[in-house]
Amino acid sequence: MSPQRFEELVSDALDLIPAELAAAIDNVVVLVEANHPEEPELLGLYEGIALTERDSAYAGALPDTITIYRDSLLEICDTEADVVEEVAITVIHEIAHHFGIDDERLHELGWA
């Protein structure tokens, strides 16, 4: 799969987020990289300050980042349909971290 097609799938996954939730996403940039340099099996990573943890000292902070790891995702998928599904799950999983939802709760909700 070409890098451009993969980025389209990430964009499509972001479009799955309901408008009222998408409107609440604040100061976040979504990136696509080949893989995490230290944890090559990592599919995605949220780095930042979750909305639930922000206070008045947050003003002027650099954007949070969500990184989706293309090669890691492609490695676990057999078909393009698998890639579409795994990209959507990974993007939603990382967006959930932005909203302060931890891995334990995501597992309970079936988004692990």
C-alpha atoms as a PDB file:
ATOM      1  CA  MET A   1       0.000   0.000   0.000  1.00  0.00           C
ATOM      2  CA  SER A   2       1.353   3.397  -0.918  1.00  0.00           C
ATOM      3  CA  PRO A   3       2.059   5.959   1.815  1.00  0.00           C
ATOM      4  CA  GLN A   4      -0.493   8.279   0.179  1.00  0.00           C
ATOM      5  CA  ARG A   5      -3.234   5.623   0.303  1.00  0.00           C
ATOM      6  CA  PHE A   6      -2.415   4.912   3.948  1.00  0.00           C
ATOM      7  CA  GLU A   7      -2.718   8.607   4.809  1.00  0.00           C
ATOM      8  CA  GLU A   8      -6.104   8.663   3.060  1.00  0.00           C
ATOM      9  CA  LEU A   9      -7.213   5.821   5.344  1.00  0.00           C
ATOM     10  CA  VAL A  10      -6.102   7.807   8.395  1.00  0.00           C
ATOM     11  CA  SER A  11      -8.095  10.786   7.129  1.00  0.00           C
ATOM     12  CA  ASP A  12     -11.114   8.536   6.519  1.00  0.00           C
ATOM     13  CA  ALA A  13     -10.813   7.202  10.073  1.00  0.00           C
ATOM     14  CA  LEU A  14     -10.807  10.760  11.448  1.00  0.00           C
ATOM     15  CA  ASP A  15     -13.985  11.400   9.450  1.00  0.00           C
ATOM     16  CA  LEU A  16     -15.665   8.571  11.408  1.00  0.00           C
ATOM     17  CA  ILE A  17     -15.541  10.659  14.575  1.00  0.00           C
ATOM     18  CA  PRO A  18     -18.975  12.167  15.266  1.00  0.00           C
ATOM     19  CA  ALA A  19     -19.078  15.913  14.562  1.00  0.00           C
ATOM     20  CA  GLU A  20     -19.835  16.843  18.177  1.00  0.00           C
ATOM     21  CA  LEU A  21     -16.751  14.935  19.368  1.00  0.00           C
ATOM     22  CA  ALA A  22     -14.577  16.174  16.513  1.00  0.00           C
ATOM     23  CA  ALA A  23     -15.486  19.739  17.486  1.00  0.00           C
ATOM     24  CA  ALA A  24     -14.150  19.063  20.999  1.00  0.00           C
ATOM     25  CA  ILE A  25     -10.734  17.906  19.777  1.00  0.00           C
ATOM     26  CA  ASP A  26      -8.411  20.732  20.675  1.00  0.00           C
ATOM     27  CA  ASN A  27      -4.801  21.475  19.748  1.00  0.00           C
ATOM     28  CA  VAL A  28      -3.955  18.079  18.236  1.00  0.00           C
ATOM     29  CA  VAL A  29      -1.984  17.151  15.158  1.00  0.00           C
ATOM     30  CA  VAL A  30      -2.194  13.675  13.597  1.00  0.00           C
ATOM     31  CA  LEU A  31       0.983  12.341  11.997  1.00  0.00           C
ATOM     32  CA  VAL A  32       1.851   9.194  10.067  1.00  0.00           C
ATOM     33  CA  GLU A  33       5.294   7.658  10.457  1.00  0.00           C
ATOM     34  CA  ALA A  34       6.767   4.342   9.357  1.00  0.00           C
ATOM     35  CA  ASN A  35       7.208   2.944  12.868  1.00  0.00           C
ATOM     36  CA  HIS A  36       8.195   3.898  16.398  1.00  0.00           C
ATOM     37  CA  PRO A  37      12.012   3.859  16.628  1.00  0.00           C
ATOM     38  CA  GLU A  38      12.104   2.163  20.046  1.00  0.00           C
ATOM     39  CA  GLU A  39       8.912   0.082  19.917  1.00  0.00           C
ATOM     40  CA  PRO A  40       8.464  -1.108  16.318  1.00  0.00           C
ATOM     41  CA  GLU A  41       5.314  -3.100  17.175  1.00  0.00           C
ATOM     42  CA  LEU A  42       3.500   0.036  18.401  1.00  0.00           C
ATOM     43  CA  LEU A  43       0.516   0.879  16.163  1.00  0.00           C
ATOM     44  CA  GLY A  44      -0.217   4.384  17.433  1.00  0.00           C
ATOM     45  CA  LEU A  45       0.813   6.830  20.120  1.00  0.00           C
ATOM     46  CA  TYR A  46      -0.843   9.812  21.808  1.00  0.00           C
ATOM     47  CA  GLU A  47       1.557  12.328  23.319  1.00  0.00           C
ATOM     48  CA  GLY A  48       0.208  15.346  25.109  1.00  0.00           C
ATOM     49  CA  ILE A  49      -2.068  16.533  27.850  1.00  0.00           C
ATOM     50  CA  ALA A  50      -5.516  14.950  27.783  1.00  0.00           C
ATOM     51  CA  LEU A  51      -8.497  17.304  27.824  1.00  0.00           C
ATOM     52  CA  THR A  52      -9.421  15.994  31.275  1.00  0.00           C
ATOM     53  CA  GLU A  53      -6.031  17.083  32.648  1.00  0.00           C
ATOM     54  CA  ARG A  54      -5.795  20.565  31.171  1.00  0.00           C
ATOM     55  CA  ASP A  55      -6.062  23.571  33.423  1.00  0.00           C
ATOM     56  CA  SER A  56      -5.346  27.294  33.186  1.00  0.00           C
ATOM     57  CA  ALA A  57      -1.596  26.599  32.906  1.00  0.00           C
ATOM     58  CA  TYR A  58      -2.189  24.823  29.576  1.00  0.00           C
ATOM     59  CA  ALA A  59      -2.391  28.077  27.585  1.00  0.00           C
ATOM     60  CA  GLY A  60       0.284  28.347  24.918  1.00  0.00           C
ATOM     61  CA  ALA A  61       1.166  24.638  24.954  1.00  0.00           C
ATOM     62  CA  LEU A  62       2.464  22.997  21.813  1.00  0.00           C
ATOM     63  CA  PRO A  63      -0.069  20.761  20.063  1.00  0.00           C
ATOM     64  CA  ASP A  64      -0.596  17.228  21.288  1.00  0.00           C
ATOM     65  CA  THR A  65       0.433  14.626  18.732  1.00  0.00           C
ATOM     66  CA  ILE A  66      -1.177  11.415  17.615  1.00  0.00           C
ATOM     67  CA  THR A  67       1.191   9.318  15.568  1.00  0.00           C
ATOM     68  CA  ILE A  68      -0.071   6.415  13.498  1.00  0.00           C
ATOM     69  CA  TYR A  69       2.624   3.904  12.546  1.00  0.00           C
ATOM     70  CA  ARG A  70       2.104   2.775   8.959  1.00  0.00           C
ATOM     71  CA  ASP A  71       4.571  -0.121   8.699  1.00  0.00           C
ATOM     72  CA  SER A  72       3.521  -1.566  12.051  1.00  0.00           C
ATOM     73  CA  LEU A  73      -0.124  -1.573  10.996  1.00  0.00           C
ATOM     74  CA  LEU A  74       0.586  -2.956   7.541  1.00  0.00           C
ATOM     75  CA  GLU A  75       2.624  -5.761   9.080  1.00  0.00           C
ATOM     76  CA  ILE A  76      -0.320  -7.094  11.112  1.00  0.00           C
ATOM     77  CA  CYS A  77      -2.823  -6.921   8.237  1.00  0.00           C
ATOM     78  CA  ASP A  78      -3.389  -9.397   5.415  1.00  0.00           C
ATOM     79  CA  THR A  79      -5.782  -7.403   3.237  1.00  0.00           C
ATOM     80  CA  GLU A  80      -6.651  -3.800   2.498  1.00  0.00           C
ATOM     81  CA  ALA A  81      -9.938  -4.341   4.353  1.00  0.00           C
ATOM     82  CA  ASP A  82      -7.909  -5.359   7.424  1.00  0.00           C
ATOM     83  CA  VAL A  83      -5.829  -2.184   7.084  1.00  0.00           C
ATOM     84  CA  VAL A  84      -8.967  -0.021   6.868  1.00  0.00           C
ATOM     85  CA  GLU A  85     -10.340  -1.625  10.039  1.00  0.00           C
ATOM     86  CA  GLU A  86      -7.077  -1.509  12.017  1.00  0.00           C
ATOM     87  CA  VAL A  87      -6.371   2.110  11.046  1.00  0.00           C
ATOM     88  CA  ALA A  88      -9.858   3.127  12.220  1.00  0.00           C
ATOM     89  CA  ILE A  89      -9.441   1.252  15.508  1.00  0.00           C
ATOM     90  CA  THR A  90      -5.997   2.768  16.095  1.00  0.00           C
ATOM     91  CA  VAL A  91      -7.066   6.336  15.277  1.00  0.00           C
ATOM     92  CA  ILE A  92     -10.132   6.109  17.516  1.00  0.00           C
ATOM     93  CA  HIS A  93      -8.047   4.521  20.273  1.00  0.00           C
ATOM     94  CA  GLU A  94      -5.542   7.396  20.217  1.00  0.00           C
ATOM     95  CA  ILE A  95      -8.264  10.072  19.987  1.00  0.00           C
ATOM     96  CA  ALA A  96      -9.846   8.467  23.060  1.00  0.00           C
ATOM     97  CA  HIS A  97      -6.594   9.088  24.955  1.00  0.00           C
ATOM     98  CA  HIS A  98      -6.922  12.771  24.027  1.00  0.00           C
ATOM     99  CA  PHE A  99     -10.311  12.699  25.767  1.00  0.00           C
ATOM    100  CA  GLY A 100      -8.723  11.145  28.856  1.00  0.00           C
ATOM    101  CA  ILE A 101      -9.867   7.565  28.312  1.00  0.00           C
ATOM    102  CA  ASP A 102      -7.161   5.134  29.445  1.00  0.00           C
ATOM    103  CA  ASP A 103      -6.238   1.747  27.990  1.00  0.00           C
ATOM    104  CA  GLU A 104      -8.134  -0.181  30.670  1.00  0.00           C
ATOM    105  CA  ARG A 105     -11.401   1.580  29.827  1.00  0.00           C
ATOM    106  CA  LEU A 106     -10.738   1.200  26.097  1.00  0.00           C
ATOM    107  CA  HIS A 107     -10.321  -2.546  26.614  1.00  0.00           C
ATOM    108  CA  GLU A 108     -13.633  -2.634  28.474  1.00  0.00           C
ATOM    109  CA  LEU A 109     -15.282  -0.803  25.564  1.00  0.00           C
ATOM    110  CA  GLY A 110     -13.738  -3.128  22.973  1.00  0.00           C
ATOM    111  CA  TRP A 111     -11.382  -0.550  21.440  1.00  0.00           C
ATOM    112  CA  ALA A 112      -8.094  -2.141  22.425  1.00  0.00           C
END
